[in-house]
Amino acid sequence: MAEATARFLDALALPPGVRRGPDLAATPARVAEAWLEDLVDGYGQDPARILGGAIARAGEDLVAVTGIDYHSVCPHHLLPSRGVAHVAYVPGGKVVGFGQLARLVDCFAHRLVLQEELAADVARALVEHLGARGAACVLEAEQFCMTVRGERRREARAHAQCFLGAFARDEALQRRFLSLTGEPLPEEEPRRRSAGGRRGAR
């Protein structure tokens, strides 16, 4: 990977003094280390193992951890994103430590992944590997492919949500979780009706 990074730097056609300068001398090795140990190390993590060792628990009430900071890389431009994840589940007889939820986020975030897929991956893992009756993941992130290139909207933040099982079926549970995250709550049913009574009209 260091060799590939060196070729990439060569392909940039930088001024000779810059390319051969001291600032770039160790860059290929540093880039390889950053990518393999910090940016795509999630491919070496197993979500089933992270959620292993769960504790049997009879309760079925909401379990949530909010404000989990994370970083990831967009597969379209290989530019980073950074944001906050909010994760919740309804136990199906087992619970895990809160730190394991943060590790689960990193497991999927440290890959080449779209934000929408990241939210779905986290929620699915809780259902499949923990046996949760329902799971939810809400993400808010700065996507560098939007803030430093293209549209260059520095204040723009992307949001993605995934609700599975009980969260998808029970709007009250969904609202309860969203109230913890600061995300907008679903509108009440009467507000989804127009004066003429058509569902979905605004």
N, C-alpha and C. Protein backbone atom coordinates (compact mmCIF):
# COMPACT_ATOMS: atom_id res chain seq x y z
N MET A 1 0.83 -1.20 0.00
CA MET A 1 0.00 0.00 0.00
C MET A 1 0.87 1.26 0.00
N ALA A 2 1.99 1.21 0.69
CA ALA A 2 2.91 2.35 0.68
C ALA A 2 3.42 2.59 -0.74
N GLU A 3 3.72 1.51 -1.47
CA GLU A 3 4.18 1.66 -2.85
C GLU A 3 3.10 2.28 -3.73
N ALA A 4 1.85 1.85 -3.51
CA ALA A 4 0.74 2.41 -4.29
C ALA A 4 0.55 3.88 -3.97
N THR A 5 0.73 4.26 -2.71
CA THR A 5 0.60 5.66 -2.32
C THR A 5 1.70 6.50 -2.96
N ALA A 6 2.91 5.94 -3.03
CA ALA A 6 4.00 6.65 -3.69
C ALA A 6 3.69 6.89 -5.16
N ARG A 7 3.10 5.89 -5.82
CA ARG A 7 2.73 6.05 -7.23
C ARG A 7 1.62 7.10 -7.37
N PHE A 8 0.71 7.11 -6.41
CA PHE A 8 -0.35 8.11 -6.41
C PHE A 8 0.25 9.52 -6.32
N LEU A 9 1.21 9.71 -5.43
CA LEU A 9 1.86 11.01 -5.30
C LEU A 9 2.59 11.39 -6.59
N ASP A 10 3.20 10.40 -7.21
CA ASP A 10 3.86 10.66 -8.49
C ASP A 10 2.85 11.11 -9.54
N ALA A 11 1.69 10.48 -9.54
CA ALA A 11 0.67 10.78 -10.54
C ALA A 11 0.07 12.17 -10.37
N LEU A 12 0.24 12.77 -9.20
CA LEU A 12 -0.28 14.12 -8.98
C LEU A 12 0.53 15.18 -9.72
N ALA A 13 1.68 14.80 -10.26
CA ALA A 13 2.53 15.73 -11.01
C ALA A 13 2.85 16.97 -10.19
N LEU A 14 3.25 16.76 -8.96
CA LEU A 14 3.63 17.87 -8.09
C LEU A 14 4.95 18.48 -8.55
N PRO A 15 5.22 19.71 -8.18
CA PRO A 15 6.54 20.28 -8.50
C PRO A 15 7.63 19.40 -7.91
N PRO A 16 8.72 19.19 -8.62
CA PRO A 16 9.77 18.29 -8.15
C PRO A 16 10.25 18.60 -6.74
N GLY A 17 10.35 19.86 -6.41
CA GLY A 17 10.81 20.22 -5.08
C GLY A 17 9.86 19.79 -3.99
N VAL A 18 8.59 19.75 -4.33
CA VAL A 18 7.57 19.31 -3.36
C VAL A 18 7.58 17.79 -3.24
N ARG A 19 7.58 17.11 -4.41
CA ARG A 19 7.50 15.64 -4.39
C ARG A 19 8.73 15.03 -3.71
N ARG A 20 9.89 15.61 -3.91
CA ARG A 20 11.10 15.07 -3.32
C ARG A 20 11.47 15.72 -2.00
N GLY A 21 10.58 16.60 -1.51
CA GLY A 21 10.86 17.31 -0.28
C GLY A 21 10.70 16.43 0.96
N PRO A 22 11.18 16.93 2.09
CA PRO A 22 11.13 16.13 3.33
C PRO A 22 9.72 15.87 3.84
N ASP A 23 8.78 16.75 3.52
CA ASP A 23 7.41 16.57 4.04
C ASP A 23 6.75 15.32 3.49
N LEU A 24 7.11 14.91 2.28
CA LEU A 24 6.49 13.75 1.65
C LEU A 24 7.35 12.50 1.71
N ALA A 25 8.51 12.60 2.31
CA ALA A 25 9.44 11.47 2.30
C ALA A 25 8.85 10.23 2.96
N ALA A 26 8.19 10.40 4.10
CA ALA A 26 7.62 9.26 4.82
C ALA A 26 6.11 9.15 4.65
N THR A 27 5.55 9.97 3.77
CA THR A 27 4.10 9.98 3.60
C THR A 27 3.53 8.63 3.16
N PRO A 28 4.11 7.93 2.19
CA PRO A 28 3.52 6.64 1.79
C PRO A 28 3.36 5.67 2.95
N ALA A 29 4.37 5.57 3.81
CA ALA A 29 4.27 4.65 4.96
C ALA A 29 3.22 5.13 5.95
N ARG A 30 3.16 6.45 6.18
CA ARG A 30 2.17 6.99 7.12
C ARG A 30 0.75 6.77 6.61
N VAL A 31 0.56 6.97 5.30
CA VAL A 31 -0.77 6.78 4.72
C VAL A 31 -1.20 5.32 4.83
N ALA A 32 -0.29 4.41 4.53
CA ALA A 32 -0.62 2.98 4.63
C ALA A 32 -1.01 2.62 6.06
N GLU A 33 -0.28 3.14 7.03
CA GLU A 33 -0.60 2.84 8.43
C GLU A 33 -1.96 3.41 8.82
N ALA A 34 -2.24 4.65 8.39
CA ALA A 34 -3.52 5.27 8.74
C ALA A 34 -4.70 4.51 8.16
N TRP A 35 -4.58 4.11 6.90
CA TRP A 35 -5.68 3.40 6.27
C TRP A 35 -5.89 2.02 6.89
N LEU A 36 -4.82 1.28 7.05
CA LEU A 36 -4.96 -0.10 7.51
C LEU A 36 -5.29 -0.21 9.00
N GLU A 37 -4.85 0.75 9.79
CA GLU A 37 -5.05 0.64 11.24
C GLU A 37 -6.19 1.51 11.77
N ASP A 38 -6.61 2.53 10.99
CA ASP A 38 -7.62 3.45 11.50
C ASP A 38 -8.85 3.62 10.62
N LEU A 39 -8.69 3.47 9.30
CA LEU A 39 -9.80 3.80 8.40
C LEU A 39 -10.56 2.58 7.88
N VAL A 40 -9.88 1.48 7.60
CA VAL A 40 -10.59 0.30 7.10
C VAL A 40 -10.30 -0.93 7.96
N ASP A 41 -9.93 -0.71 9.21
CA ASP A 41 -9.68 -1.84 10.10
C ASP A 41 -10.96 -2.56 10.50
N GLY A 42 -12.12 -1.97 10.17
CA GLY A 42 -13.39 -2.61 10.50
C GLY A 42 -13.61 -3.93 9.78
N TYR A 43 -12.95 -4.11 8.63
CA TYR A 43 -13.12 -5.37 7.90
C TYR A 43 -12.55 -6.56 8.68
N GLY A 44 -11.67 -6.28 9.60
CA GLY A 44 -11.11 -7.35 10.41
C GLY A 44 -11.88 -7.60 11.69
N GLN A 45 -12.98 -6.88 11.88
CA GLN A 45 -13.80 -7.03 13.08
C GLN A 45 -15.04 -7.87 12.77
N ASP A 46 -15.45 -8.67 13.72
CA ASP A 46 -16.61 -9.55 13.57
C ASP A 46 -17.73 -9.07 14.48
N PRO A 47 -18.85 -8.59 13.92
CA PRO A 47 -19.94 -8.09 14.76
C PRO A 47 -20.49 -9.15 15.71
N ALA A 48 -20.51 -10.42 15.28
CA ALA A 48 -21.00 -11.49 16.15
C ALA A 48 -20.09 -11.65 17.36
N ARG A 49 -18.81 -11.50 17.15
CA ARG A 49 -17.87 -11.62 18.27
C ARG A 49 -17.98 -10.41 19.20
N ILE A 50 -18.16 -9.23 18.63
CA ILE A 50 -18.32 -8.03 19.45
C ILE A 50 -19.52 -8.14 20.37
N LEU A 51 -20.61 -8.71 19.85
CA LEU A 51 -21.84 -8.84 20.64
C LEU A 51 -21.87 -10.16 21.41
N GLY A 52 -20.81 -10.93 21.34
CA GLY A 52 -20.75 -12.18 22.09
C GLY A 52 -20.62 -11.93 23.58
N GLY A 53 -20.86 -12.96 24.35
CA GLY A 53 -20.78 -12.81 25.80
C GLY A 53 -21.91 -11.99 26.38
N ALA A 54 -23.05 -11.95 25.67
CA ALA A 54 -24.20 -11.20 26.16
C ALA A 54 -24.71 -11.79 27.48
N ILE A 55 -25.34 -10.94 28.26
CA ILE A 55 -25.87 -11.33 29.56
C ILE A 55 -27.36 -11.59 29.44
N ALA A 56 -27.81 -12.72 29.97
CA ALA A 56 -29.25 -13.02 29.96
C ALA A 56 -29.97 -12.01 30.84
N ARG A 57 -31.05 -11.45 30.29
CA ARG A 57 -31.81 -10.45 31.03
C ARG A 57 -33.27 -10.54 30.59
N ALA A 58 -34.17 -10.62 31.56
CA ALA A 58 -35.58 -10.83 31.24
C ALA A 58 -36.28 -9.57 30.75
N GLY A 59 -35.75 -8.40 31.08
CA GLY A 59 -36.43 -7.16 30.72
C GLY A 59 -36.51 -6.93 29.23
N GLU A 60 -37.52 -6.19 28.81
CA GLU A 60 -37.71 -5.88 27.39
C GLU A 60 -37.86 -4.38 27.18
N ASP A 61 -37.28 -3.57 28.07
CA ASP A 61 -37.38 -2.14 27.95
C ASP A 61 -36.27 -1.60 27.04
N LEU A 62 -36.43 -0.35 26.63
CA LEU A 62 -35.50 0.29 25.71
C LEU A 62 -34.09 0.39 26.31
N VAL A 63 -33.09 0.04 25.51
CA VAL A 63 -31.68 0.24 25.85
C VAL A 63 -31.10 1.14 24.76
N ALA A 64 -30.47 2.24 25.15
CA ALA A 64 -29.98 3.19 24.16
C ALA A 64 -28.67 3.83 24.61
N VAL A 65 -27.80 4.08 23.65
CA VAL A 65 -26.59 4.87 23.87
C VAL A 65 -26.56 5.94 22.78
N THR A 66 -26.48 7.20 23.17
CA THR A 66 -26.47 8.31 22.22
C THR A 66 -25.11 9.00 22.25
N GLY A 67 -24.85 9.76 21.19
CA GLY A 67 -23.64 10.55 21.14
C GLY A 67 -22.35 9.78 20.93
N ILE A 68 -22.43 8.65 20.20
CA ILE A 68 -21.22 7.87 19.90
C ILE A 68 -20.52 8.51 18.70
N ASP A 69 -19.39 9.17 18.92
CA ASP A 69 -18.69 9.79 17.80
C ASP A 69 -17.99 8.71 16.97
N TYR A 70 -17.94 8.93 15.67
CA TYR A 70 -17.33 7.94 14.79
C TYR A 70 -16.78 8.64 13.55
N HIS A 71 -15.94 7.94 12.82
CA HIS A 71 -15.49 8.40 11.52
C HIS A 71 -15.59 7.25 10.53
N SER A 72 -15.69 7.59 9.26
CA SER A 72 -15.81 6.57 8.22
C SER A 72 -15.23 7.13 6.93
N VAL A 73 -15.31 6.34 5.86
CA VAL A 73 -14.81 6.77 4.55
C VAL A 73 -15.87 6.47 3.50
N CYS A 74 -16.19 7.48 2.70
CA CYS A 74 -17.17 7.31 1.62
C CYS A 74 -16.55 6.51 0.48
N PRO A 75 -17.23 5.49 -0.02
CA PRO A 75 -16.66 4.68 -1.10
C PRO A 75 -16.65 5.39 -2.46
N HIS A 76 -17.38 6.49 -2.58
CA HIS A 76 -17.46 7.15 -3.88
C HIS A 76 -16.24 8.01 -4.19
N HIS A 77 -15.75 8.76 -3.19
CA HIS A 77 -14.60 9.64 -3.41
C HIS A 77 -13.43 9.35 -2.48
N LEU A 78 -13.57 8.33 -1.64
CA LEU A 78 -12.55 7.98 -0.66
C LEU A 78 -12.22 9.17 0.24
N LEU A 79 -13.25 9.95 0.56
CA LEU A 79 -13.11 11.07 1.48
C LEU A 79 -13.78 10.69 2.80
N PRO A 80 -13.27 11.22 3.91
CA PRO A 80 -13.81 10.82 5.21
C PRO A 80 -15.13 11.50 5.53
N SER A 81 -15.82 10.92 6.47
CA SER A 81 -16.97 11.55 7.12
C SER A 81 -16.76 11.38 8.61
N ARG A 82 -17.36 12.25 9.37
CA ARG A 82 -17.30 12.13 10.81
C ARG A 82 -18.63 12.58 11.38
N GLY A 83 -19.06 11.89 12.41
CA GLY A 83 -20.37 12.22 12.93
C GLY A 83 -20.65 11.58 14.27
N VAL A 84 -21.94 11.48 14.55
CA VAL A 84 -22.41 10.95 15.83
C VAL A 84 -23.46 9.89 15.54
N ALA A 85 -23.36 8.78 16.26
CA ALA A 85 -24.32 7.69 16.12
C ALA A 85 -25.13 7.56 17.40
N HIS A 86 -26.41 7.29 17.23
CA HIS A 86 -27.31 6.98 18.33
C HIS A 86 -27.85 5.57 18.08
N VAL A 87 -27.70 4.69 19.04
CA VAL A 87 -28.03 3.28 18.86
C VAL A 87 -28.96 2.82 19.98
N ALA A 88 -29.95 2.03 19.61
CA ALA A 88 -30.88 1.51 20.62
C ALA A 88 -31.39 0.14 20.20
N TYR A 89 -31.83 -0.63 21.20
CA TYR A 89 -32.45 -1.92 20.91
C TYR A 89 -33.41 -2.29 22.02
N VAL A 90 -34.33 -3.17 21.69
CA VAL A 90 -35.24 -3.77 22.66
C VAL A 90 -34.77 -5.20 22.87
N PRO A 91 -34.30 -5.54 24.05
CA PRO A 91 -33.72 -6.87 24.26
C PRO A 91 -34.70 -7.99 23.97
N GLY A 92 -34.14 -9.08 23.48
CA GLY A 92 -34.92 -10.29 23.27
C GLY A 92 -34.47 -11.38 24.22
N GLY A 93 -34.10 -10.98 25.43
CA GLY A 93 -33.62 -11.95 26.41
C GLY A 93 -32.16 -11.80 26.76
N LYS A 94 -31.42 -10.93 26.02
CA LYS A 94 -30.00 -10.73 26.26
C LYS A 94 -29.65 -9.26 26.11
N VAL A 95 -28.65 -8.82 26.89
CA VAL A 95 -28.14 -7.46 26.77
C VAL A 95 -26.61 -7.52 26.72
N VAL A 96 -26.01 -6.43 26.21
CA VAL A 96 -24.55 -6.33 26.16
C VAL A 96 -24.13 -5.03 26.83
N GLY A 97 -22.85 -4.93 27.12
CA GLY A 97 -22.33 -3.71 27.71
C GLY A 97 -22.43 -2.54 26.74
N PHE A 98 -22.54 -1.34 27.29
CA PHE A 98 -22.68 -0.16 26.45
C PHE A 98 -21.46 0.04 25.54
N GLY A 99 -20.29 -0.30 26.05
CA GLY A 99 -19.08 -0.16 25.25
C GLY A 99 -19.10 -1.03 24.01
N GLN A 100 -19.79 -2.16 24.09
CA GLN A 100 -19.88 -3.03 22.92
C GLN A 100 -20.69 -2.39 21.80
N LEU A 101 -21.62 -1.53 22.15
CA LEU A 101 -22.39 -0.82 21.12
C LEU A 101 -21.49 0.16 20.38
N ALA A 102 -20.60 0.84 21.11
CA ALA A 102 -19.65 1.74 20.46
C ALA A 102 -18.71 0.97 19.55
N ARG A 103 -18.25 -0.20 20.01
CA ARG A 103 -17.38 -1.03 19.19
C ARG A 103 -18.10 -1.54 17.95
N LEU A 104 -19.39 -1.81 18.09
CA LEU A 104 -20.18 -2.27 16.94
C LEU A 104 -20.26 -1.18 15.88
N VAL A 105 -20.46 0.06 16.31
CA VAL A 105 -20.48 1.17 15.36
C VAL A 105 -19.15 1.26 14.62
N ASP A 106 -18.04 1.19 15.35
CA ASP A 106 -16.72 1.28 14.71
C ASP A 106 -16.47 0.10 13.76
N CYS A 107 -16.97 -1.06 14.11
CA CYS A 107 -16.80 -2.24 13.27
C CYS A 107 -17.29 -1.98 11.85
N PHE A 108 -18.44 -1.33 11.73
CA PHE A 108 -19.01 -1.07 10.41
C PHE A 108 -18.59 0.28 9.85
N ALA A 109 -18.31 1.25 10.72
CA ALA A 109 -17.93 2.59 10.25
C ALA A 109 -16.54 2.59 9.65
N HIS A 110 -15.65 1.75 10.18
CA HIS A 110 -14.27 1.73 9.67
C HIS A 110 -14.16 0.83 8.45
N ARG A 111 -14.99 1.15 7.48
CA ARG A 111 -15.01 0.45 6.20
C ARG A 111 -15.32 1.47 5.12
N LEU A 112 -15.32 1.07 3.88
CA LEU A 112 -15.78 1.93 2.80
C LEU A 112 -17.29 1.74 2.73
N VAL A 113 -18.04 2.66 3.32
CA VAL A 113 -19.47 2.43 3.50
C VAL A 113 -20.24 3.74 3.39
N LEU A 114 -21.41 3.66 2.75
CA LEU A 114 -22.32 4.79 2.71
C LEU A 114 -23.02 4.95 4.06
N GLN A 115 -23.40 6.17 4.37
CA GLN A 115 -24.01 6.44 5.66
C GLN A 115 -25.30 5.64 5.85
N GLU A 116 -26.09 5.53 4.79
CA GLU A 116 -27.35 4.79 4.89
C GLU A 116 -27.10 3.32 5.20
N GLU A 117 -26.07 2.75 4.57
CA GLU A 117 -25.75 1.35 4.80
C GLU A 117 -25.19 1.14 6.20
N LEU A 118 -24.45 2.11 6.69
CA LEU A 118 -23.89 2.01 8.04
C LEU A 118 -24.99 1.92 9.08
N ALA A 119 -26.00 2.76 8.97
CA ALA A 119 -27.12 2.71 9.91
C ALA A 119 -27.81 1.35 9.87
N ALA A 120 -28.02 0.83 8.66
CA ALA A 120 -28.69 -0.46 8.51
C ALA A 120 -27.83 -1.60 9.03
N ASP A 121 -26.52 -1.54 8.80
CA ASP A 121 -25.62 -2.60 9.26
C ASP A 121 -25.64 -2.72 10.79
N VAL A 122 -25.60 -1.58 11.47
CA VAL A 122 -25.60 -1.59 12.94
C VAL A 122 -26.89 -2.17 13.47
N ALA A 123 -28.03 -1.72 12.93
CA ALA A 123 -29.32 -2.21 13.41
C ALA A 123 -29.49 -3.70 13.13
N ARG A 124 -29.11 -4.13 11.93
CA ARG A 124 -29.26 -5.55 11.58
C ARG A 124 -28.42 -6.44 12.48
N ALA A 125 -27.21 -5.98 12.82
CA ALA A 125 -26.34 -6.79 13.67
C ALA A 125 -26.97 -7.03 15.04
N LEU A 126 -27.65 -6.04 15.58
CA LEU A 126 -28.28 -6.19 16.89
C LEU A 126 -29.42 -7.20 16.84
N VAL A 127 -30.13 -7.23 15.72
CA VAL A 127 -31.22 -8.20 15.57
C VAL A 127 -30.66 -9.60 15.33
N GLU A 128 -29.68 -9.71 14.43
CA GLU A 128 -29.18 -11.01 14.02
C GLU A 128 -28.26 -11.66 15.06
N HIS A 129 -27.41 -10.88 15.69
CA HIS A 129 -26.39 -11.46 16.57
C HIS A 129 -26.70 -11.34 18.05
N LEU A 130 -27.62 -10.43 18.41
CA LEU A 130 -28.00 -10.29 19.81
C LEU A 130 -29.41 -10.80 20.07
N GLY A 131 -30.16 -11.02 18.99
CA GLY A 131 -31.54 -11.47 19.14
C GLY A 131 -32.47 -10.38 19.63
N ALA A 132 -32.13 -9.12 19.35
CA ALA A 132 -32.98 -8.01 19.77
C ALA A 132 -34.35 -8.08 19.10
N ARG A 133 -35.38 -7.71 19.85
CA ARG A 133 -36.74 -7.67 19.29
C ARG A 133 -36.92 -6.49 18.35
N GLY A 134 -36.07 -5.52 18.52
CA GLY A 134 -36.09 -4.35 17.65
C GLY A 134 -34.78 -3.62 17.81
N ALA A 135 -34.37 -2.88 16.78
CA ALA A 135 -33.11 -2.14 16.84
C ALA A 135 -33.23 -0.88 16.02
N ALA A 136 -32.47 0.13 16.42
CA ALA A 136 -32.49 1.40 15.71
C ALA A 136 -31.10 2.02 15.71
N CYS A 137 -30.80 2.71 14.62
CA CYS A 137 -29.55 3.45 14.53
C CYS A 137 -29.82 4.74 13.78
N VAL A 138 -29.44 5.85 14.38
CA VAL A 138 -29.60 7.18 13.78
C VAL A 138 -28.22 7.81 13.68
N LEU A 139 -27.88 8.33 12.50
CA LEU A 139 -26.57 8.92 12.26
C LEU A 139 -26.71 10.36 11.79
N GLU A 140 -25.85 11.21 12.29
CA GLU A 140 -25.71 12.58 11.78
C GLU A 140 -24.23 12.80 11.52
N ALA A 141 -23.87 13.20 10.29
CA ALA A 141 -22.46 13.27 9.96
C ALA A 141 -22.16 14.37 8.96
N GLU A 142 -20.93 14.86 9.04
CA GLU A 142 -20.38 15.73 8.02
C GLU A 142 -19.72 14.85 6.97
N GLN A 143 -20.21 14.96 5.75
CA GLN A 143 -19.64 14.20 4.64
C GLN A 143 -18.68 15.11 3.88
N PHE A 144 -17.38 14.80 3.94
CA PHE A 144 -16.39 15.67 3.33
C PHE A 144 -16.57 15.75 1.82
N CYS A 145 -17.16 14.74 1.21
CA CYS A 145 -17.39 14.79 -0.23
C CYS A 145 -18.43 15.86 -0.59
N MET A 146 -19.14 16.37 0.43
CA MET A 146 -20.10 17.45 0.21
C MET A 146 -19.62 18.78 0.77
N THR A 147 -18.78 18.73 1.80
CA THR A 147 -18.37 19.98 2.46
C THR A 147 -17.06 20.56 1.93
N VAL A 148 -16.17 19.73 1.39
CA VAL A 148 -14.88 20.25 0.91
C VAL A 148 -14.73 20.15 -0.61
N ARG A 149 -15.68 19.53 -1.30
CA ARG A 149 -15.66 19.45 -2.76
C ARG A 149 -17.10 19.55 -3.25
N GLY A 150 -17.29 19.47 -4.56
CA GLY A 150 -18.64 19.48 -5.09
C GLY A 150 -19.40 20.73 -4.69
N GLU A 151 -20.47 20.55 -3.92
CA GLU A 151 -21.32 21.67 -3.52
C GLU A 151 -20.65 22.59 -2.51
N ARG A 152 -19.67 22.06 -1.75
CA ARG A 152 -18.93 22.84 -0.75
C ARG A 152 -19.86 23.56 0.22
N ARG A 153 -20.77 22.82 0.78
CA ARG A 153 -21.67 23.38 1.79
C ARG A 153 -21.12 23.00 3.16
N ARG A 154 -20.36 23.89 3.75
CA ARG A 154 -19.60 23.57 4.96
C ARG A 154 -20.47 23.21 6.15
N GLU A 155 -21.66 23.73 6.20
CA GLU A 155 -22.53 23.49 7.36
C GLU A 155 -23.48 22.31 7.15
N ALA A 156 -23.46 21.70 5.97
CA ALA A 156 -24.41 20.62 5.68
C ALA A 156 -24.09 19.38 6.51
N ARG A 157 -25.14 18.75 7.02
CA ARG A 157 -25.00 17.51 7.77
C ARG A 157 -26.00 16.49 7.21
N ALA A 158 -25.52 15.29 7.00
CA ALA A 158 -26.36 14.23 6.44
C ALA A 158 -26.92 13.38 7.58
N HIS A 159 -28.17 12.98 7.44
CA HIS A 159 -28.84 12.18 8.46
C HIS A 159 -29.31 10.86 7.83
N ALA A 160 -29.16 9.79 8.56
CA ALA A 160 -29.65 8.49 8.12
C ALA A 160 -30.23 7.76 9.32
N GLN A 161 -31.31 7.03 9.08
CA GLN A 161 -31.99 6.31 10.15
C GLN A 161 -32.35 4.91 9.68
N CYS A 162 -32.31 3.97 10.60
CA CYS A 162 -32.80 2.62 10.31
C CYS A 162 -33.54 2.12 11.53
N PHE A 163 -34.77 1.66 11.33
CA PHE A 163 -35.58 1.10 12.40
C PHE A 163 -36.03 -0.30 11.98
N LEU A 164 -35.74 -1.28 12.83
CA LEU A 164 -36.10 -2.66 12.54
C LEU A 164 -36.94 -3.24 13.66
N GLY A 165 -37.75 -4.23 13.32
CA GLY A 165 -38.53 -4.95 14.32
C GLY A 165 -39.48 -4.04 15.07
N ALA A 166 -39.40 -4.07 16.40
CA ALA A 166 -40.33 -3.31 17.23
C ALA A 166 -40.26 -1.82 16.93
N PHE A 167 -39.09 -1.31 16.57
CA PHE A 167 -38.97 0.11 16.27
C PHE A 167 -39.70 0.48 14.99
N ALA A 168 -39.73 -0.43 14.04
CA ALA A 168 -40.43 -0.15 12.79
C ALA A 168 -41.94 -0.22 12.97
N ARG A 169 -42.39 -1.05 13.91
CA ARG A 169 -43.84 -1.24 14.10
C ARG A 169 -44.45 -0.28 15.11
N ASP A 170 -43.69 0.15 16.08
CA ASP A 170 -44.23 0.91 17.21
C ASP A 170 -43.74 2.36 17.14
N GLU A 171 -44.61 3.26 16.69
CA GLU A 171 -44.21 4.66 16.56
C GLU A 171 -43.93 5.29 17.91
N ALA A 172 -44.62 4.87 18.94
CA ALA A 172 -44.37 5.43 20.28
C ALA A 172 -42.95 5.09 20.74
N LEU A 173 -42.51 3.88 20.47
CA LEU A 173 -41.16 3.48 20.83
C LEU A 173 -40.15 4.27 20.01
N GLN A 174 -40.45 4.44 18.73
CA GLN A 174 -39.58 5.20 17.86
C GLN A 174 -39.45 6.64 18.34
N ARG A 175 -40.57 7.25 18.73
CA ARG A 175 -40.55 8.62 19.23
C ARG A 175 -39.78 8.70 20.54
N ARG A 176 -39.92 7.70 21.37
CA ARG A 176 -39.20 7.69 22.64
C ARG A 176 -37.70 7.71 22.42
N PHE A 177 -37.24 6.91 21.46
CA PHE A 177 -35.82 6.88 21.15
C PHE A 177 -35.37 8.20 20.54
N LEU A 178 -36.12 8.71 19.56
CA LEU A 178 -35.72 9.94 18.89
C LEU A 178 -35.69 11.12 19.85
N SER A 179 -36.52 11.08 20.88
CA SER A 179 -36.50 12.17 21.86
C SER A 179 -35.17 12.24 22.61
N LEU A 180 -34.46 11.13 22.65
CA LEU A 180 -33.15 11.10 23.31
C LEU A 180 -32.03 11.60 22.41
N THR A 181 -32.27 11.61 21.10
CA THR A 181 -31.21 11.90 20.15
C THR A 181 -31.18 13.35 19.68
N GLY A 182 -32.27 14.07 19.85
CA GLY A 182 -32.36 15.41 19.31
C GLY A 182 -32.82 15.43 17.87
N GLU A 183 -33.10 14.26 17.29
CA GLU A 183 -33.63 14.18 15.93
C GLU A 183 -35.09 14.59 15.92
N PRO A 184 -35.60 15.11 14.78
CA PRO A 184 -37.02 15.47 14.69
C PRO A 184 -37.91 14.27 14.94
N LEU A 185 -39.00 14.48 15.66
CA LEU A 185 -39.94 13.41 15.96
C LEU A 185 -40.96 13.28 14.84
N PRO A 186 -41.47 12.06 14.60
CA PRO A 186 -42.54 11.90 13.61
C PRO A 186 -43.74 12.74 14.01
N GLU A 187 -44.42 13.28 13.02
CA GLU A 187 -45.60 14.09 13.31
C GLU A 187 -46.72 13.21 13.86
N GLU A 188 -47.52 13.82 14.73
CA GLU A 188 -48.69 13.10 15.23
C GLU A 188 -49.65 12.85 14.08
N GLU A 189 -50.44 11.77 14.19
CA GLU A 189 -51.36 11.37 13.12
C GLU A 189 -52.30 12.49 12.70
N PRO A 190 -52.93 13.27 13.62
CA PRO A 190 -53.84 14.32 13.16
C PRO A 190 -53.15 15.36 12.28
N ARG A 191 -51.86 15.58 12.51
CA ARG A 191 -51.15 16.57 11.73
C ARG A 191 -50.78 16.04 10.35
N ARG A 192 -50.95 14.75 10.11
CA ARG A 192 -50.63 14.19 8.80
C ARG A 192 -51.84 14.24 7.86
N ARG A 193 -52.91 14.84 8.37
CA ARG A 193 -54.12 14.93 7.55
C ARG A 193 -54.34 16.38 7.12
N SER A 194 -54.75 16.57 5.91
CA SER A 194 -55.08 17.91 5.44
C SER A 194 -56.49 18.23 5.88
N ALA A 195 -56.93 19.45 5.60
CA ALA A 195 -58.30 19.84 5.97
C ALA A 195 -59.32 18.95 5.28
N GLY A 196 -58.96 18.43 4.13
CA GLY A 196 -59.87 17.55 3.42
C GLY A 196 -59.80 16.12 3.86
N GLY A 197 -58.88 15.81 4.76
CA GLY A 197 -58.81 14.47 5.31
C GLY A 197 -57.93 13.50 4.55
N ARG A 198 -57.16 13.97 3.54
CA ARG A 198 -56.31 13.05 2.79
C ARG A 198 -55.08 12.72 3.57
N ARG A 199 -54.78 11.44 3.73
CA ARG A 199 -53.57 11.01 4.43
C ARG A 199 -52.33 11.42 3.66
N GLY A 200 -51.34 11.91 4.39
CA GLY A 200 -50.06 12.23 3.77
C GLY A 200 -49.98 13.61 3.19
N ALA A 201 -51.10 14.35 3.10
CA ALA A 201 -51.06 15.71 2.54
C ALA A 201 -50.39 16.65 3.53
N ARG A 202 -49.71 17.64 3.03
CA ARG A 202 -49.03 18.63 3.87
C ARG A 202 -49.71 19.98 3.71
